[in-house]
Amino acid sequence: MNHGIQAPSVASRCPRTVSTNDELDALKRELMKAEVRLAKARATAISAAIDIKVLNPRLKALMK
């Protein structure tokens, strides 16, 4: 039963200021950019590994 007393929410105990929200937004954007760079780097590394697997046998065949 509710007697009109409510526990304060987390937001009311730790209000975010505009600058904190801006900082959070900036950090989120930077994190997303870093994730994109990581994904591109992984794709490049996988592509290079595939190239090596394809080119090695061709090189060995030509050297015979």
N, C-alpha and C. Protein backbone atom coordinates (compact mmCIF):
# COMPACT_ATOMS: atom_id res chain seq x y z
N MET A 1 0.85 -1.17 0.00
CA MET A 1 0.00 0.00 0.00
C MET A 1 0.89 1.24 0.00
N ASN A 2 0.55 2.18 -0.79
CA ASN A 2 1.35 3.40 -0.93
C ASN A 2 0.71 4.50 -0.07
N HIS A 3 1.48 5.05 0.85
CA HIS A 3 0.99 6.11 1.74
C HIS A 3 1.46 7.49 1.30
N GLY A 4 1.74 7.63 0.02
CA GLY A 4 2.16 8.93 -0.49
C GLY A 4 3.65 9.19 -0.33
N ILE A 5 4.39 8.23 0.19
CA ILE A 5 5.84 8.39 0.34
C ILE A 5 6.50 7.53 -0.72
N GLN A 6 7.31 8.16 -1.53
CA GLN A 6 7.99 7.43 -2.58
C GLN A 6 9.49 7.56 -2.40
N ALA A 7 10.18 6.49 -2.69
CA ALA A 7 11.64 6.53 -2.63
C ALA A 7 12.14 7.39 -3.78
N PRO A 8 13.17 8.21 -3.53
CA PRO A 8 13.69 9.03 -4.62
C PRO A 8 14.32 8.16 -5.70
N SER A 9 14.10 8.53 -6.93
CA SER A 9 14.68 7.77 -8.02
C SER A 9 16.16 8.10 -8.15
N VAL A 10 16.85 7.28 -8.92
CA VAL A 10 18.28 7.50 -9.14
C VAL A 10 18.50 8.86 -9.81
N ALA A 11 17.63 9.20 -10.75
CA ALA A 11 17.78 10.46 -11.47
C ALA A 11 17.66 11.67 -10.55
N SER A 12 16.78 11.55 -9.55
CA SER A 12 16.62 12.70 -8.66
C SER A 12 17.77 12.80 -7.66
N ARG A 13 18.40 11.67 -7.35
CA ARG A 13 19.53 11.71 -6.42
C ARG A 13 20.81 12.19 -7.09
N CYS A 14 20.96 11.86 -8.36
CA CYS A 14 22.17 12.23 -9.11
C CYS A 14 21.77 12.91 -10.41
N PRO A 15 21.26 14.12 -10.34
CA PRO A 15 20.80 14.76 -11.57
C PRO A 15 21.97 15.03 -12.52
N ARG A 16 21.73 14.80 -13.77
CA ARG A 16 22.76 15.05 -14.78
C ARG A 16 22.65 16.49 -15.24
N THR A 17 23.77 17.13 -15.34
CA THR A 17 23.77 18.49 -15.84
C THR A 17 23.89 18.45 -17.35
N VAL A 18 23.70 19.59 -17.96
CA VAL A 18 23.81 19.67 -19.42
C VAL A 18 25.21 19.27 -19.86
N SER A 19 26.22 19.74 -19.13
CA SER A 19 27.59 19.42 -19.52
C SER A 19 27.86 17.93 -19.37
N THR A 20 27.27 17.29 -18.35
CA THR A 20 27.45 15.85 -18.18
C THR A 20 26.80 15.11 -19.34
N ASN A 21 25.61 15.54 -19.74
CA ASN A 21 24.95 14.92 -20.88
C ASN A 21 25.76 15.12 -22.15
N ASP A 22 26.32 16.31 -22.34
CA ASP A 22 27.15 16.56 -23.51
C ASP A 22 28.38 15.68 -23.49
N GLU A 23 28.99 15.53 -22.31
CA GLU A 23 30.16 14.66 -22.19
C GLU A 23 29.81 13.23 -22.51
N LEU A 24 28.66 12.77 -21.99
CA LEU A 24 28.23 11.40 -22.27
C LEU A 24 27.99 11.20 -23.76
N ASP A 25 27.34 12.16 -24.40
CA ASP A 25 27.09 12.06 -25.83
C ASP A 25 28.39 12.02 -26.61
N ALA A 26 29.35 12.87 -26.22
CA ALA A 26 30.65 12.89 -26.89
C ALA A 26 31.37 11.57 -26.70
N LEU A 27 31.33 11.03 -25.50
CA LEU A 27 31.98 9.74 -25.24
C LEU A 27 31.32 8.61 -26.03
N LYS A 28 30.00 8.64 -26.13
CA LYS A 28 29.30 7.62 -26.92
C LYS A 28 29.71 7.70 -28.38
N ARG A 29 29.79 8.93 -28.92
CA ARG A 29 30.20 9.09 -30.32
C ARG A 29 31.62 8.57 -30.53
N GLU A 30 32.52 8.90 -29.61
CA GLU A 30 33.91 8.45 -29.72
C GLU A 30 33.99 6.93 -29.64
N LEU A 31 33.21 6.34 -28.75
CA LEU A 31 33.18 4.89 -28.62
C LEU A 31 32.68 4.24 -29.90
N MET A 32 31.63 4.79 -30.48
CA MET A 32 31.11 4.24 -31.74
C MET A 32 32.14 4.35 -32.85
N LYS A 33 32.85 5.48 -32.91
CA LYS A 33 33.90 5.65 -33.93
C LYS A 33 35.01 4.62 -33.73
N ALA A 34 35.38 4.39 -32.47
CA ALA A 34 36.43 3.41 -32.18
C ALA A 34 35.98 2.01 -32.57
N GLU A 35 34.71 1.70 -32.34
CA GLU A 35 34.19 0.39 -32.71
C GLU A 35 34.20 0.21 -34.23
N VAL A 36 33.89 1.26 -34.96
CA VAL A 36 33.92 1.20 -36.42
C VAL A 36 35.36 0.99 -36.90
N ARG A 37 36.30 1.74 -36.31
CA ARG A 37 37.72 1.57 -36.69
C ARG A 37 38.18 0.14 -36.41
N LEU A 38 37.78 -0.41 -35.27
CA LEU A 38 38.16 -1.77 -34.92
C LEU A 38 37.58 -2.77 -35.93
N ALA A 39 36.31 -2.59 -36.29
CA ALA A 39 35.68 -3.48 -37.26
C ALA A 39 36.39 -3.41 -38.61
N LYS A 40 36.77 -2.21 -39.03
CA LYS A 40 37.48 -2.06 -40.30
C LYS A 40 38.85 -2.72 -40.23
N ALA A 41 39.54 -2.56 -39.11
CA ALA A 41 40.85 -3.18 -38.95
C ALA A 41 40.75 -4.70 -38.98
N ARG A 42 39.73 -5.23 -38.31
CA ARG A 42 39.53 -6.68 -38.32
C ARG A 42 39.24 -7.17 -39.73
N ALA A 43 38.42 -6.45 -40.47
CA ALA A 43 38.10 -6.83 -41.84
C ALA A 43 39.35 -6.81 -42.71
N THR A 44 40.19 -5.80 -42.51
CA THR A 44 41.43 -5.71 -43.28
C THR A 44 42.35 -6.88 -42.95
N ALA A 45 42.47 -7.22 -41.66
CA ALA A 45 43.33 -8.33 -41.25
C ALA A 45 42.82 -9.65 -41.82
N ILE A 46 41.51 -9.85 -41.80
CA ILE A 46 40.93 -11.09 -42.35
C ILE A 46 41.17 -11.15 -43.85
N SER A 47 41.00 -10.02 -44.52
CA SER A 47 41.24 -9.97 -45.96
C SER A 47 42.69 -10.29 -46.28
N ALA A 48 43.62 -9.76 -45.50
CA ALA A 48 45.04 -10.03 -45.72
C ALA A 48 45.34 -11.51 -45.48
N ALA A 49 44.74 -12.11 -44.47
CA ALA A 49 44.96 -13.53 -44.19
C ALA A 49 44.45 -14.39 -45.34
N ILE A 50 43.32 -14.03 -45.90
CA ILE A 50 42.77 -14.76 -47.05
C ILE A 50 43.70 -14.61 -48.25
N ASP A 51 44.18 -13.40 -48.49
CA ASP A 51 45.11 -13.18 -49.59
C ASP A 51 46.34 -14.06 -49.45
N ILE A 52 46.87 -14.17 -48.26
CA ILE A 52 48.06 -14.99 -48.02
C ILE A 52 47.75 -16.45 -48.30
N LYS A 53 46.59 -16.93 -47.85
CA LYS A 53 46.22 -18.32 -48.08
C LYS A 53 46.05 -18.63 -49.56
N VAL A 54 45.61 -17.64 -50.32
CA VAL A 54 45.42 -17.84 -51.76
C VAL A 54 46.74 -17.70 -52.51
N LEU A 55 47.54 -16.72 -52.12
CA LEU A 55 48.77 -16.44 -52.86
C LEU A 55 49.89 -17.44 -52.57
N ASN A 56 49.97 -17.97 -51.37
CA ASN A 56 51.03 -18.92 -51.05
C ASN A 56 51.03 -20.14 -51.96
N PRO A 57 49.90 -20.80 -52.15
CA PRO A 57 49.91 -21.96 -53.06
C PRO A 57 50.25 -21.57 -54.51
N ARG A 58 49.79 -20.40 -54.94
CA ARG A 58 50.11 -19.95 -56.30
C ARG A 58 51.61 -19.74 -56.45
N LEU A 59 52.23 -19.14 -55.45
CA LEU A 59 53.67 -18.91 -55.48
C LEU A 59 54.42 -20.23 -55.49
N LYS A 60 54.00 -21.16 -54.65
CA LYS A 60 54.66 -22.48 -54.59
C LYS A 60 54.51 -23.20 -55.91
N ALA A 61 53.34 -23.10 -56.55
CA ALA A 61 53.12 -23.75 -57.85
C ALA A 61 54.02 -23.13 -58.92
N LEU A 62 54.22 -21.84 -58.89
CA LEU A 62 55.06 -21.20 -59.90
C LEU A 62 56.54 -21.49 -59.67
N MET A 63 56.92 -21.77 -58.44
CA MET A 63 58.33 -22.01 -58.14
C MET A 63 58.76 -23.43 -58.52
N LYS A 64 57.81 -24.32 -58.81
CA LYS A 64 58.16 -25.71 -59.18
C LYS A 64 58.70 -25.79 -60.57
